Structures are given as structure tokens and as C-alpha cells.
Amino acid sequence: MARLYLFAEGRTEQTFADKLLKLHLAQHGVFMHNPVLIAHARKKRRTHRGGGRRYEPMKNDILRLLAQEKDADVFFTTMVDLYALHPDFPGLDESEKMRHTPEKRVEFLERQFATDIGDPRFIPYIQLHEYEAYLFADPVQFEYFYDHHANEIAALKAIADAHATPELIDDGEYSAPSKRIIAQLPDYEYAKSLVGSQVAELIGLDVIRNKCPHFSAWLSRLEQLGAEMN
């Protein structure tokens, strides 16, 4: 049995990990502790969590837990967005020349992240381009919450159909996955932590990983941890 700590960027990822990933990984011999919101600042000896993107508080948060949990069967991972990473993130400037190949760019940044943390038990994952890409795996499931918005949901499906994978929906200020959802369903902006995780649950992990190869590769790596500890 392997143990896993997951640092989530926001409450949507935190709920997604708790509701979907925890049970799934348990079937592969991986016990996930309750996902925690990653730190974004530390002021007056108090750690502020969730919603921030500054790298140094994130790094210090991860290193703090790595130092506390030294066993070889304990692993650590993240769910943070590529969209709007803070300029202090390692390798971000160099990665700008890879914008035309986002898959290579995100893999490069994950390698830089792993190198900077410097512990083989750390498995970085950066979402391409953000959590809401998963919801484009089957946007029809928004009907459960927005049953009188057929045209708007059809527009979201058209966006999904126009991309080889939802993970290639770009990271523009107004065209990132979450921005496109909000443009059609404005209420989502204020309900994303609830609706975002429940729509993903309706879609299901199998569909998401089938449509999102970068997510699938990360999940496969986490699944392997249980076998490695046997």
C-alpha cells in the first residue's frame, strides 16, 4: 500500500480528488490522504491556502510536508493549472517558446518543478490548461444543472468537438476553458467549486482520461504506486 498526499490549487480540484480520485486509487493499492489546498502566501506566521499562484509559498508547503513524511512509501503530487502560472514558476520564461506545443511545454514545466523540489517521491502534475478542460470531455452533462440552456450547452459541445482533446483548448484570458464555460453559463463562475466537481463526476474518470491524455498519463503513474510498494 502506497500513501499519497495531493496539493490542490483550488476547492474544485480538492473536491474532484476527494470524490473521484481517492476511491479510484484505493482500488490500485494507493491510499490518498484528504487533499489539501496548496499554500499561496504566509503572513504573520499564518499560511493562506487556495486560489493563489505564487511559486515560493507552494514550494515551501510541499517541502515542509516532505520533511515531515520521510517514509519511502509516501508520495506527493499536485493539481495546479498551467493557465496563469505565476512568473516565478521555475522554467516558465524558457517554456514560452513552446507555446505552439502545449503538451511538450507542460511536460517541460513538470520536469522543472520536479527538479526544483528535488525528491523522487514528488510527482508533479500541471493541468493543461486548467481543471475545466475535463468538463469539455462531455459538456452535455452540464444539462443536469442548467436544464434550460440547450443552446449554450450546444455551444460548449461545439468547442469541444473543434479540438482533438479538451486539453488543447487554449489559455487565453477570455478563451481558457473556464472562461468559455462562464461566457455561456455565467452562473458557473460563482458555483464552480460545487458544479465543477459534480459535472466531472457525471462524466466519469474513464471518459475524462480517454479524452485528456496528459491527465490520463498522470493518473496511470499514480495507479502504479500501489504495485511498486508490493
C-alpha atoms as a PDB file:
ATOM      1  CA  MET A   1       0.000   0.000   0.000  1.00  0.00           C
ATOM      2  CA  ALA A   2       1.329   3.399  -1.009  1.00  0.00           C
ATOM      3  CA  ARG A   3       0.224   6.630   0.632  1.00  0.00           C
ATOM      4  CA  LEU A   4      -0.354   9.803  -1.354  1.00  0.00           C
ATOM      5  CA  TYR A   5      -0.678  13.473  -0.475  1.00  0.00           C
ATOM      6  CA  LEU A   6      -2.265  15.735  -3.076  1.00  0.00           C
ATOM      7  CA  PHE A   7      -1.906  19.518  -3.119  1.00  0.00           C
ATOM      8  CA  ALA A   8      -4.867  21.134  -4.909  1.00  0.00           C
ATOM      9  CA  GLU A   9      -4.851  24.630  -6.370  1.00  0.00           C
ATOM     10  CA  GLY A  10      -8.495  25.293  -5.504  1.00  0.00           C
ATOM     11  CA  ARG A  11     -11.588  23.819  -3.935  1.00  0.00           C
ATOM     12  CA  THR A  12     -12.812  22.417  -7.251  1.00  0.00           C
ATOM     13  CA  GLU A  13      -9.686  20.274  -7.612  1.00  0.00           C
ATOM     14  CA  GLN A  14      -9.812  19.412  -3.931  1.00  0.00           C
ATOM     15  CA  THR A  15     -13.366  18.096  -4.223  1.00  0.00           C
ATOM     16  CA  PHE A  16     -12.627  16.295  -7.507  1.00  0.00           C
ATOM     17  CA  ALA A  17      -9.687  14.492  -5.912  1.00  0.00           C
ATOM     18  CA  ASP A  18     -11.651  13.620  -2.794  1.00  0.00           C
ATOM     19  CA  LYS A  19     -14.766  12.387  -4.618  1.00  0.00           C
ATOM     20  CA  LEU A  20     -13.271  10.685  -7.678  1.00  0.00           C
ATOM     21  CA  LEU A  21      -9.559  10.057  -7.332  1.00  0.00           C
ATOM     22  CA  LYS A  22      -9.466   8.789  -3.748  1.00  0.00           C
ATOM     23  CA  LEU A  23     -11.832   5.864  -4.320  1.00  0.00           C
ATOM     24  CA  HIS A  24     -10.323   5.033  -7.709  1.00  0.00           C
ATOM     25  CA  LEU A  25      -6.753   4.944  -6.420  1.00  0.00           C
ATOM     26  CA  ALA A  26      -7.731   2.847  -3.403  1.00  0.00           C
ATOM     27  CA  GLN A  27      -8.627   0.100  -5.884  1.00  0.00           C
ATOM     28  CA  HIS A  28      -4.996   0.215  -7.042  1.00  0.00           C
ATOM     29  CA  GLY A  29      -3.469  -0.002  -3.585  1.00  0.00           C
ATOM     30  CA  VAL A  30      -2.934   3.734  -3.137  1.00  0.00           C
ATOM     31  CA  PHE A  31      -4.336   5.436  -0.048  1.00  0.00           C
ATOM     32  CA  MET A  32      -4.872   9.140  -0.643  1.00  0.00           C
ATOM     33  CA  HIS A  33      -4.956  11.386   2.392  1.00  0.00           C
ATOM     34  CA  ASN A  34      -7.540  14.149   2.356  1.00  0.00           C
ATOM     35  CA  PRO A  35      -6.429  16.544  -0.419  1.00  0.00           C
ATOM     36  CA  VAL A  36      -5.150  19.863   0.888  1.00  0.00           C
ATOM     37  CA  LEU A  37      -5.298  23.310  -0.663  1.00  0.00           C
ATOM     38  CA  ILE A  38      -1.799  24.401  -1.564  1.00  0.00           C
ATOM     39  CA  ALA A  39      -0.343  27.480   0.100  1.00  0.00           C
ATOM     40  CA  HIS A  40      -0.240  30.765  -1.785  1.00  0.00           C
ATOM     41  CA  ALA A  41       1.127  33.026   0.953  1.00  0.00           C
ATOM     42  CA  ARG A  42       2.441  33.041   4.502  1.00  0.00           C
ATOM     43  CA  LYS A  43       1.852  36.213   6.519  1.00  0.00           C
ATOM     44  CA  LYS A  44       2.235  36.832  10.233  1.00  0.00           C
ATOM     45  CA  ARG A  45       3.036  33.147  10.795  1.00  0.00           C
ATOM     46  CA  ARG A  46      -0.229  32.128   9.127  1.00  0.00           C
ATOM     47  CA  THR A  47      -0.415  30.071   5.948  1.00  0.00           C
ATOM     48  CA  HIS A  48      -3.020  31.176   3.405  1.00  0.00           C
ATOM     49  CA  ARG A  49      -4.275  28.423   1.129  1.00  0.00           C
ATOM     50  CA  GLY A  50      -6.055  28.037  -2.196  1.00  0.00           C
ATOM     51  CA  GLY A  51      -6.567  30.337  -5.125  1.00  0.00           C
ATOM     52  CA  GLY A  52      -3.023  31.678  -5.310  1.00  0.00           C
ATOM     53  CA  ARG A  53      -0.340  31.028  -7.882  1.00  0.00           C
ATOM     54  CA  ARG A  54       2.917  32.318  -6.353  1.00  0.00           C
ATOM     55  CA  TYR A  55       5.507  29.590  -6.521  1.00  0.00           C
ATOM     56  CA  GLU A  56       7.620  30.091  -3.408  1.00  0.00           C
ATOM     57  CA  PRO A  57       4.768  29.513  -0.906  1.00  0.00           C
ATOM     58  CA  MET A  58       3.737  26.427  -2.911  1.00  0.00           C
ATOM     59  CA  LYS A  59       7.282  25.094  -2.882  1.00  0.00           C
ATOM     60  CA  ASN A  60       7.741  25.718   0.847  1.00  0.00           C
ATOM     61  CA  ASP A  61       4.429  23.993   1.581  1.00  0.00           C
ATOM     62  CA  ILE A  62       5.494  20.890  -0.341  1.00  0.00           C
ATOM     63  CA  LEU A  63       8.970  20.825   1.196  1.00  0.00           C
ATOM     64  CA  ARG A  64       7.500  21.155   4.681  1.00  0.00           C
ATOM     65  CA  LEU A  65       5.378  18.034   4.240  1.00  0.00           C
ATOM     66  CA  LEU A  66       8.200  16.144   2.529  1.00  0.00           C
ATOM     67  CA  ALA A  67      10.332  16.790   5.598  1.00  0.00           C
ATOM     68  CA  GLN A  68       7.587  15.564   7.927  1.00  0.00           C
ATOM     69  CA  GLU A  69       6.819  12.390   5.953  1.00  0.00           C
ATOM     70  CA  LYS A  70      10.125  10.660   5.224  1.00  0.00           C
ATOM     71  CA  ASP A  71       8.963   7.095   4.532  1.00  0.00           C
ATOM     72  CA  ALA A  72       9.691   5.617   1.102  1.00  0.00           C
ATOM     73  CA  ASP A  73       6.069   4.533   0.627  1.00  0.00           C
ATOM     74  CA  VAL A  74       4.727   8.099   0.876  1.00  0.00           C
ATOM     75  CA  PHE A  75       4.304  10.117  -2.326  1.00  0.00           C
ATOM     76  CA  PHE A  76       3.253  13.652  -3.147  1.00  0.00           C
ATOM     77  CA  THR A  77       1.527  15.189  -6.147  1.00  0.00           C
ATOM     78  CA  THR A  78      -0.184  18.376  -7.270  1.00  0.00           C
ATOM     79  CA  MET A  79      -3.169  19.625  -9.240  1.00  0.00           C
ATOM     80  CA  VAL A  80      -2.279  23.154 -10.364  1.00  0.00           C
ATOM     81  CA  ASP A  81      -3.217  24.933 -13.591  1.00  0.00           C
ATOM     82  CA  LEU A  82      -0.862  25.797 -16.405  1.00  0.00           C
ATOM     83  CA  TYR A  83      -3.199  28.723 -17.052  1.00  0.00           C
ATOM     84  CA  ALA A  84      -1.803  31.896 -15.480  1.00  0.00           C
ATOM     85  CA  LEU A  85       1.141  30.316 -13.657  1.00  0.00           C
ATOM     86  CA  HIS A  86       2.994  32.979 -11.695  1.00  0.00           C
ATOM     87  CA  PRO A  87       6.156  34.367 -13.369  1.00  0.00           C
ATOM     88  CA  ASP A  88       8.324  32.961 -10.546  1.00  0.00           C
ATOM     89  CA  PHE A  89       7.499  29.356 -11.535  1.00  0.00           C
ATOM     90  CA  PRO A  90      10.722  27.514 -12.486  1.00  0.00           C
ATOM     91  CA  GLY A  91      11.322  27.362 -16.231  1.00  0.00           C
ATOM     92  CA  LEU A  92       8.283  29.465 -17.144  1.00  0.00           C
ATOM     93  CA  ASP A  93      10.217  32.014 -19.194  1.00  0.00           C
ATOM     94  CA  GLU A  94      12.022  29.298 -21.141  1.00  0.00           C
ATOM     95  CA  SER A  95       8.747  27.464 -21.759  1.00  0.00           C
ATOM     96  CA  GLU A  96       7.270  30.429 -23.625  1.00  0.00           C
ATOM     97  CA  LYS A  97       8.972  29.277 -26.823  1.00  0.00           C
ATOM     98  CA  MET A  98       6.988  26.013 -26.567  1.00  0.00           C
ATOM     99  CA  ARG A  99       3.553  27.618 -26.615  1.00  0.00           C
ATOM    100  CA  HIS A 100       2.815  26.078 -30.033  1.00  0.00           C
ATOM    101  CA  THR A 101       3.315  22.607 -28.491  1.00  0.00           C
ATOM    102  CA  PRO A 102       1.436  22.808 -25.167  1.00  0.00           C
ATOM    103  CA  GLU A 103       1.914  19.102 -24.376  1.00  0.00           C
ATOM    104  CA  LYS A 104       5.699  19.471 -24.543  1.00  0.00           C
ATOM    105  CA  ARG A 105       5.515  22.744 -22.661  1.00  0.00           C
ATOM    106  CA  VAL A 106       3.601  21.324 -19.713  1.00  0.00           C
ATOM    107  CA  GLU A 107       5.875  18.263 -19.537  1.00  0.00           C
ATOM    108  CA  PHE A 108       8.923  20.557 -19.529  1.00  0.00           C
ATOM    109  CA  LEU A 109       7.470  22.616 -16.680  1.00  0.00           C
ATOM    110  CA  GLU A 110       6.673  19.478 -14.688  1.00  0.00           C
ATOM    111  CA  ARG A 111      10.298  18.360 -15.063  1.00  0.00           C
ATOM    112  CA  GLN A 112      11.478  21.770 -13.876  1.00  0.00           C
ATOM    113  CA  PHE A 113       9.075  21.536 -10.936  1.00  0.00           C
ATOM    114  CA  ALA A 114      10.364  18.070 -10.003  1.00  0.00           C
ATOM    115  CA  THR A 115      13.989  19.180 -10.258  1.00  0.00           C
ATOM    116  CA  ASP A 116      13.377  22.208  -8.064  1.00  0.00           C
ATOM    117  CA  ILE A 117      11.650  20.161  -5.352  1.00  0.00           C
ATOM    118  CA  GLY A 118      14.384  17.536  -5.576  1.00  0.00           C
ATOM    119  CA  ASP A 119      12.696  14.466  -4.099  1.00  0.00           C
ATOM    120  CA  PRO A 120      11.937  11.316  -6.151  1.00  0.00           C
ATOM    121  CA  ARG A 121       8.707  10.822  -4.208  1.00  0.00           C
ATOM    122  CA  PHE A 122       7.301  14.027  -5.676  1.00  0.00           C
ATOM    123  CA  ILE A 123       5.166  13.557  -8.822  1.00  0.00           C
ATOM    124  CA  PRO A 124       4.223  16.998 -10.168  1.00  0.00           C
ATOM    125  CA  TYR A 125       1.095  17.414 -12.250  1.00  0.00           C
ATOM    126  CA  ILE A 126       0.171  20.629 -14.021  1.00  0.00           C
ATOM    127  CA  GLN A 127      -3.288  20.711 -15.584  1.00  0.00           C
ATOM    128  CA  LEU A 128      -3.385  21.514 -19.274  1.00  0.00           C
ATOM    129  CA  HIS A 129      -4.547  24.256 -19.328  1.00  0.00           C
ATOM    130  CA  GLU A 130      -6.837  24.194 -16.304  1.00  0.00           C
ATOM    131  CA  TYR A 131      -9.297  21.992 -14.436  1.00  0.00           C
ATOM    132  CA  GLU A 132     -12.294  22.974 -16.595  1.00  0.00           C
ATOM    133  CA  ALA A 133     -10.738  21.211 -19.593  1.00  0.00           C
ATOM    134  CA  TYR A 134     -12.005  17.950 -18.051  1.00  0.00           C
ATOM    135  CA  LEU A 135     -15.582  19.215 -18.286  1.00  0.00           C
ATOM    136  CA  PHE A 136     -15.235  19.569 -22.057  1.00  0.00           C
ATOM    137  CA  ALA A 137     -14.800  15.788 -22.210  1.00  0.00           C
ATOM    138  CA  ASP A 138     -18.615  15.693 -22.195  1.00  0.00           C
ATOM    139  CA  PRO A 139     -20.146  19.157 -21.730  1.00  0.00           C
ATOM    140  CA  VAL A 140     -23.631  17.749 -22.287  1.00  0.00           C
ATOM    141  CA  GLN A 141     -23.512  16.785 -18.600  1.00  0.00           C
ATOM    142  CA  PHE A 142     -23.999  20.459 -17.729  1.00  0.00           C
ATOM    143  CA  GLU A 143     -27.676  19.803 -18.541  1.00  0.00           C
ATOM    144  CA  TYR A 144     -28.073  18.329 -15.059  1.00  0.00           C
ATOM    145  CA  PHE A 145     -27.545  21.812 -13.582  1.00  0.00           C
ATOM    146  CA  TYR A 146     -28.624  24.028 -16.498  1.00  0.00           C
ATOM    147  CA  ASP A 147     -31.634  22.254 -17.982  1.00  0.00           C
ATOM    148  CA  HIS A 148     -32.969  25.278 -19.838  1.00  0.00           C
ATOM    149  CA  HIS A 149     -29.724  26.171 -21.586  1.00  0.00           C
ATOM    150  CA  ALA A 150     -29.701  23.828 -24.567  1.00  0.00           C
ATOM    151  CA  ASN A 151     -28.212  26.382 -26.951  1.00  0.00           C
ATOM    152  CA  GLU A 152     -25.455  27.364 -24.548  1.00  0.00           C
ATOM    153  CA  ILE A 153     -24.527  23.748 -23.860  1.00  0.00           C
ATOM    154  CA  ALA A 154     -24.569  23.041 -27.594  1.00  0.00           C
ATOM    155  CA  ALA A 155     -22.070  25.880 -27.989  1.00  0.00           C
ATOM    156  CA  LEU A 156     -19.798  24.258 -25.410  1.00  0.00           C
ATOM    157  CA  LYS A 157     -20.066  20.932 -27.211  1.00  0.00           C
ATOM    158  CA  ALA A 158     -19.108  22.637 -30.482  1.00  0.00           C
ATOM    159  CA  ILE A 159     -15.979  23.983 -28.784  1.00  0.00           C
ATOM    160  CA  ALA A 160     -15.105  20.506 -27.547  1.00  0.00           C
ATOM    161  CA  ASP A 161     -15.697  18.990 -30.996  1.00  0.00           C
ATOM    162  CA  ALA A 162     -13.360  21.562 -32.561  1.00  0.00           C
ATOM    163  CA  HIS A 163     -10.359  20.304 -30.539  1.00  0.00           C
ATOM    164  CA  ALA A 164      -8.556  16.983 -30.739  1.00  0.00           C
ATOM    165  CA  THR A 165      -8.545  16.937 -26.932  1.00  0.00           C
ATOM    166  CA  PRO A 166     -10.054  19.312 -24.361  1.00  0.00           C
ATOM    167  CA  GLU A 167      -6.523  19.817 -23.062  1.00  0.00           C
ATOM    168  CA  LEU A 168      -5.738  21.799 -26.229  1.00  0.00           C
ATOM    169  CA  ILE A 169      -8.401  24.425 -25.553  1.00  0.00           C
ATOM    170  CA  ASP A 170      -6.098  27.420 -25.176  1.00  0.00           C
ATOM    171  CA  ASP A 171      -5.122  29.544 -22.212  1.00  0.00           C
ATOM    172  CA  GLY A 172      -6.165  32.979 -23.430  1.00  0.00           C
ATOM    173  CA  GLU A 173      -7.543  35.487 -20.958  1.00  0.00           C
ATOM    174  CA  TYR A 174     -11.025  35.138 -22.451  1.00  0.00           C
ATOM    175  CA  SER A 175     -10.738  31.753 -24.173  1.00  0.00           C
ATOM    176  CA  ALA A 176      -9.425  29.434 -21.465  1.00  0.00           C
ATOM    177  CA  PRO A 177     -11.808  26.546 -20.662  1.00  0.00           C
ATOM    178  CA  SER A 178     -13.342  28.193 -17.590  1.00  0.00           C
ATOM    179  CA  LYS A 179     -13.800  31.488 -19.432  1.00  0.00           C
ATOM    180  CA  ARG A 180     -15.612  29.739 -22.262  1.00  0.00           C
ATOM    181  CA  ILE A 181     -17.949  27.997 -19.826  1.00  0.00           C
ATOM    182  CA  ILE A 182     -18.681  31.245 -17.992  1.00  0.00           C
ATOM    183  CA  ALA A 183     -19.354  33.022 -21.290  1.00  0.00           C
ATOM    184  CA  GLN A 184     -22.191  30.555 -21.954  1.00  0.00           C
ATOM    185  CA  LEU A 185     -23.231  29.813 -18.361  1.00  0.00           C
ATOM    186  CA  PRO A 186     -22.412  32.907 -16.247  1.00  0.00           C
ATOM    187  CA  ASP A 187     -23.656  31.315 -13.021  1.00  0.00           C
ATOM    188  CA  TYR A 188     -20.807  28.808 -13.214  1.00  0.00           C
ATOM    189  CA  GLU A 189     -18.347  31.496 -12.090  1.00  0.00           C
ATOM    190  CA  TYR A 190     -19.912  31.526  -8.628  1.00  0.00           C
ATOM    191  CA  ALA A 191     -20.694  27.810  -8.420  1.00  0.00           C
ATOM    192  CA  LYS A 192     -17.566  26.232  -9.899  1.00  0.00           C
ATOM    193  CA  SER A 193     -16.359  24.547  -6.710  1.00  0.00           C
ATOM    194  CA  LEU A 194     -19.687  22.678  -6.463  1.00  0.00           C
ATOM    195  CA  VAL A 195     -20.792  22.330 -10.071  1.00  0.00           C
ATOM    196  CA  GLY A 196     -17.305  21.765 -11.489  1.00  0.00           C
ATOM    197  CA  SER A 197     -16.653  18.665  -9.418  1.00  0.00           C
ATOM    198  CA  GLN A 198     -20.162  17.249  -9.833  1.00  0.00           C
ATOM    199  CA  VAL A 199     -20.136  17.625 -13.617  1.00  0.00           C
ATOM    200  CA  ALA A 200     -16.820  15.751 -13.645  1.00  0.00           C
ATOM    201  CA  GLU A 201     -18.412  13.037 -11.517  1.00  0.00           C
ATOM    202  CA  LEU A 202     -21.282  12.740 -14.018  1.00  0.00           C
ATOM    203  CA  ILE A 203     -18.790  12.493 -16.878  1.00  0.00           C
ATOM    204  CA  GLY A 204     -16.706   9.871 -15.087  1.00  0.00           C
ATOM    205  CA  LEU A 205     -12.986   9.204 -14.889  1.00  0.00           C
ATOM    206  CA  ASP A 206     -12.986   6.774 -17.810  1.00  0.00           C
ATOM    207  CA  VAL A 207     -14.338   9.376 -20.234  1.00  0.00           C
ATOM    208  CA  ILE A 208     -12.080  12.127 -18.898  1.00  0.00           C
ATOM    209  CA  ARG A 209      -8.911  10.090 -19.189  1.00  0.00           C
ATOM    210  CA  ASN A 210      -9.930   8.873 -22.651  1.00  0.00           C
ATOM    211  CA  LYS A 211     -10.301  12.472 -23.848  1.00  0.00           C
ATOM    212  CA  CYS A 212      -7.426  14.015 -21.845  1.00  0.00           C
ATOM    213  CA  PRO A 213      -4.124  12.171 -22.445  1.00  0.00           C
ATOM    214  CA  HIS A 214      -1.976  14.306 -20.150  1.00  0.00           C
ATOM    215  CA  PHE A 215      -4.403  13.708 -17.284  1.00  0.00           C
ATOM    216  CA  SER A 216      -4.516  10.002 -18.161  1.00  0.00           C
ATOM    217  CA  ALA A 217      -0.722   9.660 -18.075  1.00  0.00           C
ATOM    218  CA  TRP A 218      -0.614  11.244 -14.617  1.00  0.00           C
ATOM    219  CA  LEU A 219      -3.398   9.027 -13.291  1.00  0.00           C
ATOM    220  CA  SER A 220      -1.638   5.933 -14.684  1.00  0.00           C
ATOM    221  CA  ARG A 221       1.535   6.958 -12.847  1.00  0.00           C
ATOM    222  CA  LEU A 222      -0.380   7.277  -9.582  1.00  0.00           C
ATOM    223  CA  GLU A 223      -2.014   3.886 -10.124  1.00  0.00           C
ATOM    224  CA  GLN A 224       1.427   2.278 -10.453  1.00  0.00           C
ATOM    225  CA  LEU A 225       2.478   3.423  -6.999  1.00  0.00           C
ATOM    226  CA  GLY A 226       0.496   0.676  -5.315  1.00  0.00           C
ATOM    227  CA  ALA A 227       2.156  -2.085  -7.351  1.00  0.00           C
ATOM    228  CA  GLU A 228       5.611  -0.593  -6.738  1.00  0.00           C
ATOM    229  CA  MET A 229       5.101  -0.881  -2.973  1.00  0.00           C
ATOM    230  CA  ASN A 230       4.073  -4.571  -3.083  1.00  0.00           C
END
